[in-house]
Amino acid sequence: MKKFSFFTITFLLILFMNKTMAQSSAQSTSQGTAKNNQNSNSPNPTKPNANLENLLYIDLTYGRVIIEMMPNIAPKHVERIKTLARQKFYDGIVFHRVIDGFMAQTGDPTGTGMGGSKLPDIKAEFSDEPHIRGAVSMARASDPNSANSQFFIVTHDSRFLDGQYTVWGRVISGMEFVDKIKKGASRDGKVVGPDGMVKVRVASDANKM
């Protein structure tokens, strides 16, 4: 079944983002402080008691991004990400759509925003988890139950997405590397010569071939 990038369905969200960016920028300092406080309370993957089964490593050319997955709020989505990571599905896939001050989207093997995996789509698992900087959420088409393999990392608070897309994780380390991902020059964020994910692994599998 053909997949459509959620940005082709919700282009008005981009206009909303542009309208609110100036206002949000004035709050960036306080938001950054709150983010740092939040991350300080997140699991430290170097500690022996860290739940490696629910940490995802995304290796970029810039460095490693560590995502704390949230099976308590999005179990089916977390299971899908783990399944695809263990199939090495995500290795080499590019960030095909990156909008500066908004998000970086990936997970499409065709690199067009129109593709997905061969697995069936997933039913929505919407929650109260906010789309703030560092949130990792699943992309979908107009059907709420059409998420498959594409996801996006929020780089700037985007609360207007809350309750419409399934948040399944949060970056706890490496947002500085996400910020370096090549941005799209056009308004829709389409990237020419995009950066990609070198390797994606569940942390508990990280030492396996």
Protein backbone atom coordinates (compact mmCIF):
# COMPACT_ATOMS: atom_id res chain seq x y z
CA MET A 1 0.00 0.00 0.00
CA LYS A 2 1.40 3.39 -0.95
CA LYS A 3 2.43 5.58 1.97
CA PHE A 4 2.26 9.34 1.98
CA SER A 5 4.41 11.61 4.11
CA PHE A 6 2.29 13.27 6.76
CA PHE A 7 3.63 16.58 5.50
CA THR A 8 1.90 16.12 2.16
CA ILE A 9 -1.37 15.74 4.07
CA THR A 10 -0.81 18.48 6.65
CA PHE A 11 1.05 21.18 4.76
CA LEU A 12 -0.86 23.80 6.74
CA LEU A 13 1.08 22.71 9.80
CA ILE A 14 4.20 24.10 8.16
CA LEU A 15 2.49 27.45 7.76
CA PHE A 16 1.46 27.32 11.39
CA MET A 17 5.03 26.54 12.39
CA ASN A 18 6.30 29.56 10.46
CA LYS A 19 3.70 31.78 12.12
CA THR A 20 4.54 30.65 15.63
CA MET A 21 8.32 30.28 15.31
CA ALA A 22 9.05 33.89 16.24
CA GLN A 23 6.93 33.62 19.37
CA SER A 24 8.45 30.28 20.31
CA SER A 25 11.98 31.58 19.82
CA ALA A 26 11.46 34.04 22.66
CA GLN A 27 10.84 31.06 24.93
CA SER A 28 13.80 28.98 23.72
CA THR A 29 16.03 29.77 26.70
CA SER A 30 13.49 28.61 29.27
CA GLN A 31 12.58 25.60 27.13
CA GLY A 32 16.25 24.62 26.86
CA THR A 33 16.56 24.75 30.64
CA ALA A 34 13.47 22.60 31.05
CA LYS A 35 14.80 20.13 28.48
CA ASN A 36 18.11 19.82 30.29
CA ASN A 37 16.31 19.22 33.56
CA GLN A 38 14.17 16.57 31.90
CA ASN A 39 17.15 14.80 30.36
CA SER A 40 18.96 14.81 33.69
CA ASN A 41 16.15 12.62 35.04
CA SER A 42 16.29 10.20 32.12
CA PRO A 43 17.94 6.78 32.36
CA ASN A 44 21.71 6.86 31.99
CA PRO A 45 22.57 4.13 29.45
CA THR A 46 26.00 3.69 31.07
CA LYS A 47 24.50 2.60 34.39
CA PRO A 48 24.13 -1.16 35.04
CA ASN A 49 20.39 -0.81 35.79
CA ALA A 50 19.58 0.94 32.53
CA ASN A 51 16.89 -0.93 30.54
CA LEU A 52 18.86 -1.50 27.35
CA GLU A 53 15.90 -3.27 25.77
CA ASN A 54 14.07 0.06 25.65
CA LEU A 55 16.94 2.21 24.39
CA LEU A 56 17.54 2.77 20.68
CA TYR A 57 20.92 3.76 19.26
CA ILE A 58 20.89 5.74 16.01
CA ASP A 59 24.41 6.23 14.69
CA LEU A 60 24.82 9.29 12.46
CA THR A 61 28.01 10.47 10.82
CA TYR A 62 28.00 13.23 13.46
CA GLY A 63 27.65 10.91 16.47
CA ARG A 64 25.27 8.64 18.33
CA VAL A 65 21.69 9.58 19.18
CA ILE A 66 20.13 7.64 22.07
CA ILE A 67 16.35 7.35 22.26
CA GLU A 68 14.47 6.16 25.31
CA MET A 69 11.52 4.17 23.92
CA MET A 70 8.16 4.26 25.73
CA PRO A 71 6.42 0.87 25.57
CA ASN A 72 4.15 1.96 28.41
CA ILE A 73 2.39 4.50 26.17
CA ALA A 74 2.98 3.14 22.65
CA PRO A 75 3.70 -0.60 22.90
CA LYS A 76 2.83 -1.49 19.30
CA HIS A 77 4.94 1.32 17.88
CA VAL A 78 7.92 0.48 20.08
CA GLU A 79 7.63 -3.15 19.04
CA ARG A 80 7.61 -2.11 15.37
CA ILE A 81 10.72 0.04 15.78
CA LYS A 82 12.52 -2.81 17.57
CA THR A 83 11.48 -5.31 14.89
CA LEU A 84 12.72 -3.12 12.04
CA ALA A 85 15.93 -2.23 13.86
CA ARG A 86 16.64 -5.92 14.42
CA GLN A 87 16.05 -6.55 10.73
CA LYS A 88 18.61 -3.76 10.03
CA PHE A 89 15.85 -2.14 7.99
CA TYR A 90 16.84 1.39 9.04
CA ASP A 91 20.54 1.08 8.25
CA GLY A 92 21.41 3.59 5.54
CA ILE A 93 17.97 5.19 5.32
CA VAL A 94 18.09 8.97 4.87
CA PHE A 95 16.40 11.92 6.53
CA HIS A 96 14.41 12.82 3.44
CA ARG A 97 12.50 15.74 4.96
CA VAL A 98 14.10 18.14 7.45
CA ILE A 99 12.55 21.49 8.33
CA ASP A 100 14.77 23.84 10.29
CA GLY A 101 13.20 24.71 13.63
CA PHE A 102 10.64 21.90 13.36
CA MET A 103 11.68 18.29 12.79
CA ALA A 104 13.76 15.69 10.94
CA GLN A 105 11.87 12.83 9.26
CA THR A 106 13.25 9.45 8.21
CA GLY A 107 12.31 5.77 7.94
CA ASP A 108 11.37 5.56 4.26
CA PRO A 109 13.56 3.12 2.29
CA THR A 110 12.67 4.91 -0.96
CA GLY A 111 13.81 8.28 0.39
CA THR A 112 10.74 9.97 -1.09
CA GLY A 113 8.34 10.08 1.85
CA MET A 114 6.06 7.67 -0.01
CA GLY A 115 7.44 4.34 1.19
CA GLY A 116 7.42 2.03 4.16
CA SER A 117 8.20 -1.50 5.27
CA LYS A 118 6.46 -4.67 4.12
CA LEU A 119 4.86 -5.06 7.54
CA PRO A 120 1.21 -4.07 8.08
CA ASP A 121 0.33 -0.59 9.27
CA ILE A 122 -0.10 0.09 13.00
CA LYS A 123 -3.15 1.39 14.81
CA ALA A 124 -2.70 4.79 16.43
CA GLU A 125 -1.59 4.96 20.06
CA PHE A 126 -2.16 8.65 20.73
CA SER A 127 -1.38 9.89 24.23
CA ASP A 128 -0.78 13.01 26.29
CA GLU A 129 2.97 12.79 25.62
CA PRO A 130 3.91 16.20 24.17
CA HIS A 131 5.63 16.95 20.89
CA ILE A 132 8.43 18.99 22.43
CA ARG A 133 12.09 19.14 21.44
CA GLY A 134 13.53 15.62 21.52
CA ALA A 135 10.21 13.81 21.09
CA VAL A 136 10.25 10.95 18.57
CA SER A 137 6.91 10.39 16.86
CA MET A 138 5.53 8.22 14.08
CA ALA A 139 4.64 9.72 10.71
CA ARG A 140 1.44 8.63 9.00
CA ALA A 141 -0.93 9.38 6.13
CA SER A 142 -4.41 10.91 6.55
CA ASP A 143 -5.66 7.69 8.14
CA PRO A 144 -4.71 7.79 11.85
CA ASN A 145 -4.02 4.05 11.68
CA SER A 146 -1.52 4.20 8.79
CA ALA A 147 1.82 4.46 10.64
CA ASN A 148 4.36 1.96 9.34
CA SER A 149 8.09 2.71 9.46
CA GLN A 150 8.57 6.46 9.04
CA PHE A 151 9.19 8.60 12.10
CA PHE A 152 10.39 12.08 12.95
CA ILE A 153 12.48 13.70 15.67
CA VAL A 154 11.11 17.02 16.91
CA THR A 155 13.77 19.74 17.03
CA HIS A 156 11.51 22.60 18.16
CA ASP A 157 8.44 22.41 20.38
CA SER A 158 5.45 21.58 18.15
CA ARG A 159 2.53 21.08 20.50
CA PHE A 160 -0.01 21.49 17.68
CA LEU A 161 0.86 17.88 16.75
CA ASP A 162 -0.23 16.57 20.17
CA GLY A 163 -2.95 13.94 20.01
CA GLN A 164 -2.58 13.54 16.25
CA TYR A 165 0.63 11.52 16.00
CA THR A 166 1.99 8.75 18.22
CA VAL A 167 4.98 9.69 20.35
CA TRP A 168 6.94 6.50 21.06
CA GLY A 169 10.25 7.80 22.39
CA ARG A 170 12.39 10.71 23.48
CA VAL A 171 16.01 11.61 22.74
CA ILE A 172 18.03 11.44 25.96
CA SER A 173 21.45 11.96 24.37
CA GLY A 174 22.73 13.34 21.07
CA MET A 175 20.28 16.13 20.16
CA GLU A 176 23.31 18.19 19.17
CA PHE A 177 23.88 15.61 16.42
CA VAL A 178 20.23 15.75 15.32
CA ASP A 179 20.61 19.52 15.00
CA LYS A 180 23.43 18.96 12.48
CA ILE A 181 21.33 16.86 10.09
CA LYS A 182 21.16 18.52 6.67
CA LYS A 183 18.06 20.68 6.26
CA GLY A 184 15.83 21.02 3.24
CA ALA A 185 16.16 24.27 1.33
CA SER A 186 12.55 24.36 0.17
CA ARG A 187 9.56 25.18 2.32
CA ASP A 188 8.36 21.57 2.44
CA GLY A 189 11.74 20.47 3.85
CA LYS A 190 12.68 18.09 1.03
CA VAL A 191 16.43 17.47 1.26
CA VAL A 192 18.78 17.23 -1.71
CA GLY A 193 21.77 15.02 -0.87
CA PRO A 194 20.34 14.05 2.53
CA ASP A 195 22.16 12.71 5.57
CA GLY A 196 21.33 9.16 6.61
CA MET A 197 21.31 6.80 9.55
CA VAL A 198 24.48 4.76 9.45
CA LYS A 199 23.20 2.11 11.83
CA VAL A 200 20.15 1.66 14.10
CA ARG A 201 20.18 -0.88 16.92
CA VAL A 202 18.28 -1.72 20.07
CA ALA A 203 20.84 -1.08 22.81
CA SER A 204 20.63 -4.64 24.13
CA ASP A 205 21.71 -5.85 20.67
CA ALA A 206 24.42 -3.24 20.14
CA ASN A 207 27.32 -5.66 20.50
CA LYS A 208 25.81 -8.23 18.16
CA MET A 209 26.68 -8.48 14.46
